N, C-alpha and C. Protein backbone atom coordinates (compact mmCIF):
# COMPACT_ATOMS: atom_id res chain seq x y z
N MET A 1 -5.19 10.23 8.24
CA MET A 1 -3.82 10.08 8.63
C MET A 1 -2.96 9.60 7.47
N LEU A 2 -3.43 8.63 6.72
CA LEU A 2 -2.68 8.16 5.55
C LEU A 2 -3.14 8.94 4.33
N SER A 3 -2.22 9.23 3.45
CA SER A 3 -2.55 10.01 2.26
C SER A 3 -3.33 9.18 1.25
N GLN A 4 -3.93 9.88 0.31
CA GLN A 4 -4.65 9.21 -0.78
C GLN A 4 -3.68 8.35 -1.59
N THR A 5 -2.46 8.83 -1.78
CA THR A 5 -1.45 8.06 -2.51
C THR A 5 -1.18 6.73 -1.81
N THR A 6 -1.07 6.77 -0.49
CA THR A 6 -0.85 5.55 0.29
C THR A 6 -2.03 4.60 0.14
N GLU A 7 -3.23 5.13 0.23
CA GLU A 7 -4.44 4.31 0.06
C GLU A 7 -4.42 3.63 -1.31
N TYR A 8 -4.12 4.37 -2.35
CA TYR A 8 -4.08 3.81 -3.70
C TYR A 8 -3.01 2.73 -3.82
N ALA A 9 -1.84 2.97 -3.24
CA ALA A 9 -0.76 1.98 -3.31
C ALA A 9 -1.16 0.70 -2.60
N LEU A 10 -1.78 0.83 -1.43
CA LEU A 10 -2.22 -0.36 -0.69
C LEU A 10 -3.30 -1.12 -1.45
N ARG A 11 -4.20 -0.40 -2.10
CA ARG A 11 -5.22 -1.08 -2.92
C ARG A 11 -4.58 -1.85 -4.06
N ALA A 12 -3.64 -1.20 -4.77
CA ALA A 12 -2.99 -1.85 -5.91
C ALA A 12 -2.21 -3.08 -5.45
N MET A 13 -1.46 -2.95 -4.37
CA MET A 13 -0.66 -4.07 -3.87
C MET A 13 -1.54 -5.20 -3.36
N THR A 14 -2.64 -4.87 -2.73
CA THR A 14 -3.57 -5.89 -2.25
C THR A 14 -4.16 -6.65 -3.44
N HIS A 15 -4.50 -5.91 -4.49
CA HIS A 15 -5.02 -6.57 -5.69
C HIS A 15 -3.98 -7.51 -6.28
N LEU A 16 -2.75 -7.03 -6.45
CA LEU A 16 -1.70 -7.89 -7.01
C LEU A 16 -1.45 -9.10 -6.13
N ALA A 17 -1.50 -8.92 -4.81
CA ALA A 17 -1.28 -10.02 -3.89
C ALA A 17 -2.38 -11.07 -3.97
N SER A 18 -3.57 -10.66 -4.38
CA SER A 18 -4.70 -11.59 -4.42
C SER A 18 -4.74 -12.42 -5.70
N LEU A 19 -3.90 -12.10 -6.67
CA LEU A 19 -3.91 -12.83 -7.93
C LEU A 19 -3.23 -14.19 -7.78
N GLU A 20 -3.79 -15.18 -8.43
CA GLU A 20 -3.24 -16.53 -8.38
C GLU A 20 -1.93 -16.61 -9.16
N GLY A 21 -0.93 -17.25 -8.58
CA GLY A 21 0.31 -17.53 -9.28
C GLY A 21 1.15 -16.32 -9.62
N GLY A 22 0.91 -15.18 -9.02
CA GLY A 22 1.72 -14.01 -9.27
C GLY A 22 1.67 -13.51 -10.70
N GLU A 23 0.54 -13.70 -11.35
CA GLU A 23 0.42 -13.27 -12.75
C GLU A 23 0.56 -11.76 -12.88
N ALA A 24 1.06 -11.34 -14.05
CA ALA A 24 1.18 -9.91 -14.34
C ALA A 24 -0.15 -9.39 -14.86
N VAL A 25 -0.46 -8.16 -14.51
CA VAL A 25 -1.71 -7.54 -14.93
C VAL A 25 -1.42 -6.09 -15.33
N ASN A 26 -2.13 -5.61 -16.34
CA ASN A 26 -1.85 -4.25 -16.83
C ASN A 26 -2.47 -3.19 -15.92
N SER A 27 -1.98 -1.96 -16.09
CA SER A 27 -2.42 -0.88 -15.20
C SER A 27 -3.90 -0.56 -15.38
N GLU A 28 -4.43 -0.73 -16.58
CA GLU A 28 -5.86 -0.47 -16.79
C GLU A 28 -6.71 -1.41 -15.94
N THR A 29 -6.31 -2.67 -15.88
CA THR A 29 -7.05 -3.65 -15.08
C THR A 29 -6.93 -3.32 -13.60
N ILE A 30 -5.72 -2.99 -13.17
CA ILE A 30 -5.54 -2.64 -11.76
C ILE A 30 -6.40 -1.43 -11.41
N ALA A 31 -6.39 -0.42 -12.26
CA ALA A 31 -7.18 0.79 -12.02
C ALA A 31 -8.67 0.46 -11.91
N ALA A 32 -9.16 -0.35 -12.82
CA ALA A 32 -10.59 -0.70 -12.81
C ALA A 32 -10.96 -1.51 -11.57
N ARG A 33 -10.13 -2.46 -11.19
CA ARG A 33 -10.45 -3.34 -10.07
C ARG A 33 -10.30 -2.66 -8.73
N THR A 34 -9.44 -1.65 -8.65
CA THR A 34 -9.20 -0.99 -7.37
C THR A 34 -9.86 0.38 -7.27
N LYS A 35 -10.47 0.80 -8.36
CA LYS A 35 -11.15 2.09 -8.42
C LYS A 35 -10.17 3.24 -8.13
N VAL A 36 -8.99 3.14 -8.72
CA VAL A 36 -7.96 4.17 -8.63
C VAL A 36 -7.85 4.84 -9.99
N PRO A 37 -7.87 6.16 -10.08
CA PRO A 37 -7.72 6.84 -11.37
C PRO A 37 -6.44 6.40 -12.07
N ARG A 38 -6.55 6.08 -13.38
CA ARG A 38 -5.41 5.53 -14.12
C ARG A 38 -4.18 6.43 -14.09
N GLY A 39 -4.36 7.73 -14.28
CA GLY A 39 -3.22 8.64 -14.28
C GLY A 39 -2.49 8.64 -12.95
N TYR A 40 -3.25 8.64 -11.88
CA TYR A 40 -2.66 8.63 -10.54
C TYR A 40 -1.98 7.29 -10.29
N LEU A 41 -2.63 6.22 -10.74
CA LEU A 41 -2.09 4.88 -10.53
C LEU A 41 -0.73 4.73 -11.19
N SER A 42 -0.53 5.33 -12.35
CA SER A 42 0.76 5.23 -13.04
C SER A 42 1.89 5.73 -12.17
N LYS A 43 1.69 6.85 -11.48
CA LYS A 43 2.71 7.39 -10.58
C LYS A 43 2.95 6.44 -9.41
N VAL A 44 1.88 5.92 -8.86
CA VAL A 44 1.99 5.01 -7.72
C VAL A 44 2.74 3.74 -8.13
N LEU A 45 2.39 3.19 -9.28
CA LEU A 45 3.06 1.97 -9.75
C LEU A 45 4.54 2.22 -10.00
N ARG A 46 4.87 3.39 -10.54
CA ARG A 46 6.27 3.74 -10.77
C ARG A 46 7.04 3.74 -9.45
N ASP A 47 6.46 4.34 -8.42
CA ASP A 47 7.10 4.37 -7.11
C ASP A 47 7.28 2.96 -6.54
N LEU A 48 6.30 2.10 -6.74
CA LEU A 48 6.38 0.73 -6.25
C LEU A 48 7.44 -0.08 -7.00
N VAL A 49 7.61 0.20 -8.30
CA VAL A 49 8.67 -0.44 -9.08
C VAL A 49 10.03 0.05 -8.58
N LEU A 50 10.18 1.36 -8.38
CA LEU A 50 11.45 1.91 -7.88
C LEU A 50 11.82 1.35 -6.52
N ALA A 51 10.83 1.05 -5.70
CA ALA A 51 11.07 0.47 -4.38
C ALA A 51 11.27 -1.05 -4.45
N GLU A 52 11.20 -1.59 -5.66
CA GLU A 52 11.38 -3.01 -5.93
C GLU A 52 10.36 -3.90 -5.22
N LEU A 53 9.15 -3.35 -5.05
CA LEU A 53 8.05 -4.14 -4.49
C LEU A 53 7.27 -4.84 -5.59
N ILE A 54 7.29 -4.26 -6.79
CA ILE A 54 6.65 -4.88 -7.94
C ILE A 54 7.62 -4.82 -9.12
N THR A 55 7.33 -5.65 -10.11
CA THR A 55 8.10 -5.63 -11.35
C THR A 55 7.15 -5.20 -12.46
N SER A 56 7.72 -4.66 -13.52
CA SER A 56 6.90 -4.32 -14.68
C SER A 56 7.56 -4.91 -15.91
N GLN A 57 6.71 -5.34 -16.82
CA GLN A 57 7.19 -5.91 -18.08
C GLN A 57 6.32 -5.37 -19.20
N ARG A 58 6.97 -4.88 -20.23
CA ARG A 58 6.24 -4.37 -21.39
C ARG A 58 5.83 -5.50 -22.31
N GLY A 59 4.91 -5.20 -23.20
CA GLY A 59 4.53 -6.16 -24.22
C GLY A 59 3.15 -6.72 -24.02
N PRO A 60 2.72 -7.55 -24.97
CA PRO A 60 1.34 -8.07 -24.96
C PRO A 60 1.01 -8.91 -23.73
N HIS A 61 2.01 -9.57 -23.16
CA HIS A 61 1.76 -10.38 -21.96
C HIS A 61 2.40 -9.75 -20.74
N GLY A 62 2.68 -8.46 -20.85
CA GLY A 62 3.34 -7.74 -19.76
C GLY A 62 2.36 -7.25 -18.73
N GLY A 63 2.87 -6.43 -17.87
CA GLY A 63 2.05 -5.85 -16.81
C GLY A 63 2.86 -5.74 -15.54
N PHE A 64 2.16 -5.68 -14.44
CA PHE A 64 2.78 -5.51 -13.13
C PHE A 64 2.51 -6.75 -12.29
N ALA A 65 3.51 -7.13 -11.50
CA ALA A 65 3.39 -8.28 -10.60
C ALA A 65 4.23 -8.00 -9.36
N LEU A 66 3.89 -8.66 -8.27
CA LEU A 66 4.70 -8.53 -7.06
C LEU A 66 6.11 -9.05 -7.32
N SER A 67 7.09 -8.43 -6.71
CA SER A 67 8.48 -8.87 -6.88
C SER A 67 8.83 -10.04 -5.96
N ARG A 68 8.03 -10.24 -4.93
CA ARG A 68 8.21 -11.38 -4.05
C ARG A 68 6.85 -11.78 -3.48
N SER A 69 6.80 -12.86 -2.76
CA SER A 69 5.51 -13.37 -2.29
C SER A 69 4.86 -12.40 -1.30
N PRO A 70 3.52 -12.39 -1.26
CA PRO A 70 2.79 -11.46 -0.39
C PRO A 70 3.12 -11.60 1.10
N ASP A 71 3.58 -12.76 1.52
CA ASP A 71 3.93 -12.92 2.93
C ASP A 71 5.29 -12.31 3.26
N ARG A 72 6.01 -11.84 2.23
CA ARG A 72 7.31 -11.21 2.44
C ARG A 72 7.30 -9.71 2.12
N ILE A 73 6.11 -9.15 1.97
CA ILE A 73 5.97 -7.71 1.74
C ILE A 73 5.06 -7.16 2.84
N THR A 74 5.56 -6.17 3.56
CA THR A 74 4.75 -5.61 4.64
C THR A 74 4.02 -4.35 4.17
N MET A 75 2.99 -4.02 4.90
CA MET A 75 2.27 -2.79 4.62
C MET A 75 3.18 -1.58 4.78
N LEU A 76 4.10 -1.63 5.75
CA LEU A 76 5.01 -0.51 5.95
C LEU A 76 5.93 -0.30 4.75
N GLU A 77 6.35 -1.37 4.11
CA GLU A 77 7.18 -1.23 2.91
C GLU A 77 6.42 -0.49 1.82
N VAL A 78 5.15 -0.82 1.66
CA VAL A 78 4.31 -0.16 0.65
C VAL A 78 4.17 1.32 1.00
N ILE A 79 3.85 1.60 2.23
CA ILE A 79 3.69 2.98 2.69
C ILE A 79 4.98 3.77 2.48
N ASN A 80 6.10 3.20 2.87
CA ASN A 80 7.38 3.89 2.73
C ASN A 80 7.77 4.12 1.28
N ALA A 81 7.27 3.29 0.38
CA ALA A 81 7.59 3.45 -1.04
C ALA A 81 6.92 4.68 -1.64
N VAL A 82 5.76 5.06 -1.12
CA VAL A 82 5.00 6.15 -1.75
C VAL A 82 4.86 7.40 -0.89
N ASP A 83 4.74 7.25 0.41
CA ASP A 83 4.54 8.41 1.28
C ASP A 83 4.80 8.00 2.73
N PRO A 84 6.07 7.97 3.12
CA PRO A 84 6.41 7.49 4.47
C PRO A 84 5.72 8.29 5.57
N ILE A 85 5.46 7.61 6.67
CA ILE A 85 4.90 8.26 7.85
C ILE A 85 5.95 9.23 8.38
N GLN A 86 5.53 10.45 8.63
CA GLN A 86 6.46 11.48 9.10
C GLN A 86 6.53 11.45 10.62
N ARG A 87 7.65 10.98 11.13
CA ARG A 87 7.87 10.95 12.57
C ARG A 87 8.25 12.34 13.05
N ILE A 88 8.05 12.60 14.34
CA ILE A 88 8.39 13.89 14.93
C ILE A 88 9.78 13.75 15.55
N THR A 89 10.75 14.43 14.98
CA THR A 89 12.13 14.31 15.46
C THR A 89 12.64 15.56 16.16
N ARG A 90 11.94 16.67 15.95
CA ARG A 90 12.31 17.92 16.63
C ARG A 90 11.04 18.73 16.85
N CYS A 91 11.17 19.78 17.63
CA CYS A 91 10.02 20.61 17.99
C CYS A 91 9.34 21.14 16.73
N PRO A 92 8.07 20.79 16.51
CA PRO A 92 7.35 21.30 15.34
C PRO A 92 7.15 22.82 15.36
N LEU A 93 7.31 23.43 16.53
CA LEU A 93 7.16 24.88 16.66
C LEU A 93 8.46 25.61 16.37
N GLY A 94 9.54 24.84 16.17
CA GLY A 94 10.83 25.44 15.87
C GLY A 94 11.49 26.08 17.08
N ASN A 95 11.07 25.72 18.27
CA ASN A 95 11.62 26.30 19.49
C ASN A 95 13.02 25.71 19.73
N PRO A 96 14.07 26.53 19.60
CA PRO A 96 15.43 26.01 19.75
C PRO A 96 15.75 25.54 21.17
N SER A 97 14.97 25.98 22.16
CA SER A 97 15.23 25.54 23.53
C SER A 97 14.69 24.13 23.78
N HIS A 98 13.88 23.60 22.88
CA HIS A 98 13.35 22.24 23.02
C HIS A 98 14.34 21.25 22.42
N LEU A 99 15.32 20.85 23.22
CA LEU A 99 16.32 19.90 22.75
C LEU A 99 15.74 18.50 22.66
N GLN A 100 14.75 18.24 23.47
CA GLN A 100 14.00 16.99 23.43
C GLN A 100 12.56 17.34 23.13
N LEU A 101 11.81 16.35 22.66
CA LEU A 101 10.40 16.60 22.39
C LEU A 101 9.65 16.87 23.69
N CYS A 102 8.72 17.81 23.64
CA CYS A 102 7.88 18.08 24.80
C CYS A 102 6.95 16.89 25.01
N PRO A 103 6.28 16.81 26.15
CA PRO A 103 5.40 15.67 26.42
C PRO A 103 4.33 15.45 25.35
N LEU A 104 3.76 16.53 24.82
CA LEU A 104 2.74 16.39 23.77
C LEU A 104 3.33 15.73 22.52
N HIS A 105 4.42 16.28 22.03
CA HIS A 105 4.99 15.75 20.79
C HIS A 105 5.66 14.39 20.99
N ARG A 106 6.16 14.12 22.18
CA ARG A 106 6.68 12.78 22.48
C ARG A 106 5.55 11.77 22.39
N ARG A 107 4.41 12.11 22.98
CA ARG A 107 3.25 11.21 22.96
C ARG A 107 2.77 10.96 21.53
N LEU A 108 2.71 12.03 20.75
CA LEU A 108 2.30 11.89 19.34
C LEU A 108 3.28 11.01 18.57
N ASP A 109 4.57 11.22 18.77
CA ASP A 109 5.56 10.42 18.07
C ASP A 109 5.53 8.96 18.53
N ASP A 110 5.26 8.73 19.80
CA ASP A 110 5.13 7.36 20.29
C ASP A 110 3.96 6.65 19.59
N ALA A 111 2.87 7.38 19.39
CA ALA A 111 1.71 6.80 18.69
C ALA A 111 2.09 6.47 17.24
N LEU A 112 2.81 7.37 16.60
CA LEU A 112 3.26 7.11 15.22
C LEU A 112 4.18 5.89 15.17
N SER A 113 5.00 5.74 16.18
CA SER A 113 5.90 4.59 16.26
C SER A 113 5.11 3.28 16.37
N ARG A 114 4.06 3.29 17.18
CA ARG A 114 3.22 2.09 17.33
C ARG A 114 2.50 1.77 16.03
N ILE A 115 2.05 2.80 15.33
CA ILE A 115 1.38 2.59 14.04
C ILE A 115 2.36 1.98 13.05
N GLU A 116 3.57 2.53 12.99
CA GLU A 116 4.60 1.96 12.11
C GLU A 116 4.85 0.49 12.45
N GLY A 117 4.91 0.19 13.73
CA GLY A 117 5.13 -1.19 14.16
C GLY A 117 4.03 -2.13 13.69
N GLU A 118 2.79 -1.67 13.77
CA GLU A 118 1.67 -2.50 13.29
C GLU A 118 1.76 -2.74 11.78
N PHE A 119 2.08 -1.70 11.05
CA PHE A 119 2.22 -1.85 9.60
C PHE A 119 3.40 -2.76 9.26
N ALA A 120 4.50 -2.65 10.01
CA ALA A 120 5.68 -3.49 9.77
C ALA A 120 5.38 -4.96 10.07
N ALA A 121 4.48 -5.20 11.00
CA ALA A 121 4.16 -6.57 11.42
C ALA A 121 3.05 -7.19 10.57
N THR A 122 2.50 -6.45 9.61
CA THR A 122 1.39 -6.95 8.81
C THR A 122 1.82 -7.12 7.37
N SER A 123 1.76 -8.36 6.89
CA SER A 123 2.12 -8.64 5.50
C SER A 123 0.89 -8.52 4.60
N LEU A 124 1.17 -8.39 3.31
CA LEU A 124 0.05 -8.37 2.35
C LEU A 124 -0.73 -9.67 2.41
N ALA A 125 -0.04 -10.78 2.66
CA ALA A 125 -0.73 -12.07 2.76
C ALA A 125 -1.76 -12.05 3.88
N GLU A 126 -1.42 -11.42 5.00
CA GLU A 126 -2.37 -11.33 6.11
C GLU A 126 -3.58 -10.49 5.73
N VAL A 127 -3.35 -9.45 4.95
CA VAL A 127 -4.44 -8.55 4.56
C VAL A 127 -5.44 -9.28 3.67
N ILE A 128 -4.96 -10.16 2.81
CA ILE A 128 -5.86 -10.82 1.86
C ILE A 128 -6.32 -12.20 2.30
N GLU A 129 -5.92 -12.61 3.49
CA GLU A 129 -6.32 -13.92 3.98
C GLU A 129 -7.82 -14.12 3.86
N THR A 130 -8.23 -15.24 3.33
CA THR A 130 -9.66 -15.50 3.12
C THR A 130 -10.39 -15.85 4.40
N ASN A 131 -9.66 -16.15 5.46
CA ASN A 131 -10.31 -16.53 6.72
C ASN A 131 -10.89 -15.37 7.49
N THR A 132 -10.50 -14.14 7.13
CA THR A 132 -10.97 -13.00 7.89
C THR A 132 -12.01 -12.21 7.10
N ARG A 133 -12.89 -11.56 7.79
CA ARG A 133 -13.89 -10.73 7.12
C ARG A 133 -13.23 -9.57 6.40
N ALA A 134 -12.20 -8.97 7.00
CA ALA A 134 -11.50 -7.87 6.34
C ALA A 134 -10.83 -8.36 5.07
N GLY A 135 -10.25 -9.56 5.12
CA GLY A 135 -9.62 -10.14 3.93
C GLY A 135 -10.63 -10.37 2.83
N ALA A 136 -11.82 -10.81 3.21
CA ALA A 136 -12.85 -11.04 2.21
C ALA A 136 -13.24 -9.74 1.51
N ARG A 137 -13.27 -8.65 2.27
CA ARG A 137 -13.58 -7.36 1.66
C ARG A 137 -12.49 -6.93 0.69
N CYS A 138 -11.23 -7.16 1.06
CA CYS A 138 -10.12 -6.79 0.17
C CYS A 138 -10.13 -7.67 -1.07
N ARG A 139 -10.42 -8.94 -0.92
CA ARG A 139 -10.46 -9.84 -2.07
C ARG A 139 -11.60 -9.45 -3.02
N PHE A 140 -12.63 -8.82 -2.49
CA PHE A 140 -13.75 -8.36 -3.29
C PHE A 140 -13.27 -7.45 -4.42
N LEU A 141 -12.24 -6.65 -4.16
CA LEU A 141 -11.69 -5.76 -5.18
C LEU A 141 -11.09 -6.52 -6.35
N ALA A 142 -10.64 -7.74 -6.11
CA ALA A 142 -9.94 -8.49 -7.15
C ALA A 142 -10.90 -9.20 -8.11
N GLN A 143 -12.18 -9.22 -7.81
CA GLN A 143 -13.12 -9.94 -8.65
C GLN A 143 -13.41 -9.16 -9.94
N PRO A 144 -13.70 -9.90 -11.02
CA PRO A 144 -14.03 -9.24 -12.30
C PRO A 144 -15.24 -8.33 -12.17
N THR A 145 -15.25 -7.28 -12.92
CA THR A 145 -16.36 -6.36 -12.88
C THR A 145 -17.35 -6.63 -14.00
N VAL A 146 -18.61 -6.42 -13.70
CA VAL A 146 -19.67 -6.57 -14.69
C VAL A 146 -20.57 -5.35 -14.59
N ARG A 147 -20.79 -4.66 -15.70
CA ARG A 147 -21.65 -3.47 -15.74
C ARG A 147 -21.32 -2.47 -14.64
N GLY A 148 -20.02 -2.19 -14.48
CA GLY A 148 -19.61 -1.16 -13.55
C GLY A 148 -19.50 -1.58 -12.11
N GLY A 149 -19.91 -2.78 -11.76
CA GLY A 149 -19.80 -3.21 -10.38
C GLY A 149 -19.12 -4.55 -10.28
N PRO A 150 -18.59 -4.91 -9.13
CA PRO A 150 -17.94 -6.19 -8.96
C PRO A 150 -18.90 -7.35 -9.12
N LYS A 151 -18.44 -8.42 -9.69
CA LYS A 151 -19.24 -9.63 -9.87
C LYS A 151 -19.35 -10.34 -8.53
N ARG A 152 -20.53 -10.78 -8.20
CA ARG A 152 -20.72 -11.49 -6.91
C ARG A 152 -20.86 -12.98 -7.13
């Protein structure tokens, strides 16, 4: 349901959210820690900068950092920055007599609406919370790598 681009953006943002003190990190480090191809990551990071979810700074101590705290960035903002969820607003079959969505497409759009609501209600801080098992898995991505695998 979510595109590869969205998955990569969420991985990158989760990694940045897990860093102590909002430190800036370069794209090579983000790519290595999140297992996102560097070339693809550059496009994703550009989109996140344009959406003002992250900042970028050039130079020896530069890199990428969140533009605001993880509790003030929602998953939906990240998704909308790179590949928004496509809601159903008119008949996908192009039937001009369908002025309203048919029951099938209404039901599908309602489901998409609920998904958007869940993403809007979930902050990056919630995703990386150390108290949850899911958060622990996401934080696993942020750990330094040794010999090709994450350090335990």
